[in-house]
Amino acid sequence: MNRWRNYGLWVAIAAFIPMLLEALGVNVLPDNYEELTKVFLSILVLAGIINNPSLGQGYTDGK
């Protein structure tokens, strides 16, 4: 169950959902989707949420 606590997994799922909806014909992405994604991920990295080097594990799930 530690896999569900992995931040990399949740970022990947969050990126996959709009792409899946777009492939199904539901237009949910704004025109500046790439720019918004870069800003959001940059904020998470700067805050140390995505990859916290003080823990020494990075994206691993601790196994």
C-alpha atoms as a PDB file:
ATOM      1  CA  MET A   1       0.000   0.000   0.000  1.00  0.00           C
ATOM      2  CA  ASN A   2       3.012   2.331   0.171  1.00  0.00           C
ATOM      3  CA  ARG A   3       2.796   2.692  -3.587  1.00  0.00           C
ATOM      4  CA  TRP A   4      -0.320   4.890  -3.188  1.00  0.00           C
ATOM      5  CA  ARG A   5       1.736   7.321  -1.068  1.00  0.00           C
ATOM      6  CA  ASN A   6       4.217   7.927  -3.877  1.00  0.00           C
ATOM      7  CA  TYR A   7       4.021  11.530  -5.158  1.00  0.00           C
ATOM      8  CA  GLY A   8       5.293  10.515  -8.598  1.00  0.00           C
ATOM      9  CA  LEU A   9       2.324   8.181  -8.998  1.00  0.00           C
ATOM     10  CA  TRP A  10      -0.198  10.918  -8.175  1.00  0.00           C
ATOM     11  CA  VAL A  11       1.454  13.392 -10.535  1.00  0.00           C
ATOM     12  CA  ALA A  12       1.305  10.788 -13.302  1.00  0.00           C
ATOM     13  CA  ILE A  13      -2.362  10.048 -12.592  1.00  0.00           C
ATOM     14  CA  ALA A  14      -3.203  13.758 -12.533  1.00  0.00           C
ATOM     15  CA  ALA A  15      -1.512  14.196 -15.918  1.00  0.00           C
ATOM     16  CA  PHE A  16      -3.176  11.102 -17.381  1.00  0.00           C
ATOM     17  CA  ILE A  17      -6.791  11.997 -16.584  1.00  0.00           C
ATOM     18  CA  PRO A  18      -7.026  15.109 -18.830  1.00  0.00           C
ATOM     19  CA  MET A  19      -5.199  13.276 -21.625  1.00  0.00           C
ATOM     20  CA  LEU A  20      -7.657  10.374 -21.398  1.00  0.00           C
ATOM     21  CA  LEU A  21     -10.651  12.706 -21.458  1.00  0.00           C
ATOM     22  CA  GLU A  22      -9.170  14.539 -24.452  1.00  0.00           C
ATOM     23  CA  ALA A  23      -8.755  11.216 -26.288  1.00  0.00           C
ATOM     24  CA  LEU A  24     -12.407  10.395 -25.574  1.00  0.00           C
ATOM     25  CA  GLY A  25     -13.482  13.672 -27.168  1.00  0.00           C
ATOM     26  CA  VAL A  26     -14.141  15.679 -24.008  1.00  0.00           C
ATOM     27  CA  ASN A  27     -12.379  19.022 -24.299  1.00  0.00           C
ATOM     28  CA  VAL A  28     -11.292  19.767 -20.727  1.00  0.00           C
ATOM     29  CA  LEU A  29      -7.832  21.210 -21.356  1.00  0.00           C
ATOM     30  CA  PRO A  30      -7.369  24.978 -21.590  1.00  0.00           C
ATOM     31  CA  ASP A  31      -5.336  26.427 -24.445  1.00  0.00           C
ATOM     32  CA  ASN A  32      -2.367  27.119 -22.159  1.00  0.00           C
ATOM     33  CA  TYR A  33      -2.345  23.650 -20.546  1.00  0.00           C
ATOM     34  CA  GLU A  34       1.411  23.139 -20.989  1.00  0.00           C
ATOM     35  CA  GLU A  35       2.224  26.497 -19.432  1.00  0.00           C
ATOM     36  CA  LEU A  36      -0.057  25.864 -16.445  1.00  0.00           C
ATOM     37  CA  THR A  37       1.446  22.404 -15.952  1.00  0.00           C
ATOM     38  CA  LYS A  38       4.995  23.747 -15.967  1.00  0.00           C
ATOM     39  CA  VAL A  39       4.127  26.455 -13.437  1.00  0.00           C
ATOM     40  CA  PHE A  40       2.300  24.025 -11.136  1.00  0.00           C
ATOM     41  CA  LEU A  41       5.089  21.430 -11.221  1.00  0.00           C
ATOM     42  CA  SER A  42       7.726  24.120 -10.705  1.00  0.00           C
ATOM     43  CA  ILE A  43       5.930  25.295  -7.578  1.00  0.00           C
ATOM     44  CA  LEU A  44       5.742  21.726  -6.257  1.00  0.00           C
ATOM     45  CA  VAL A  45       9.448  21.159  -6.909  1.00  0.00           C
ATOM     46  CA  LEU A  46      10.422  24.456  -5.291  1.00  0.00           C
ATOM     47  CA  ALA A  47       8.313  23.627  -2.255  1.00  0.00           C
ATOM     48  CA  GLY A  48      10.017  20.240  -1.995  1.00  0.00           C
ATOM     49  CA  ILE A  49       6.747  18.353  -2.310  1.00  0.00           C
ATOM     50  CA  ILE A  50       7.572  16.228  -5.355  1.00  0.00           C
ATOM     51  CA  ASN A  51      11.176  15.394  -4.569  1.00  0.00           C
ATOM     52  CA  ASN A  52      12.357  15.931  -1.020  1.00  0.00           C
ATOM     53  CA  PRO A  53      16.098  15.162  -0.957  1.00  0.00           C
ATOM     54  CA  SER A  54      16.187  15.319   2.850  1.00  0.00           C
ATOM     55  CA  LEU A  55      14.357  11.989   2.967  1.00  0.00           C
ATOM     56  CA  GLY A  56      16.906  10.400   0.650  1.00  0.00           C
ATOM     57  CA  GLN A  57      14.324   8.412  -1.328  1.00  0.00           C
ATOM     58  CA  GLY A  58      13.216  10.716  -4.162  1.00  0.00           C
ATOM     59  CA  TYR A  59      10.461   9.084  -6.180  1.00  0.00           C
ATOM     60  CA  THR A  60      10.891   5.600  -4.710  1.00  0.00           C
ATOM     61  CA  ASP A  61       8.173   4.141  -2.543  1.00  0.00           C
ATOM     62  CA  GLY A  62      10.548   3.152   0.233  1.00  0.00           C
ATOM     63  CA  LYS A  63      11.096  -0.484  -0.730  1.00  0.00           C
END
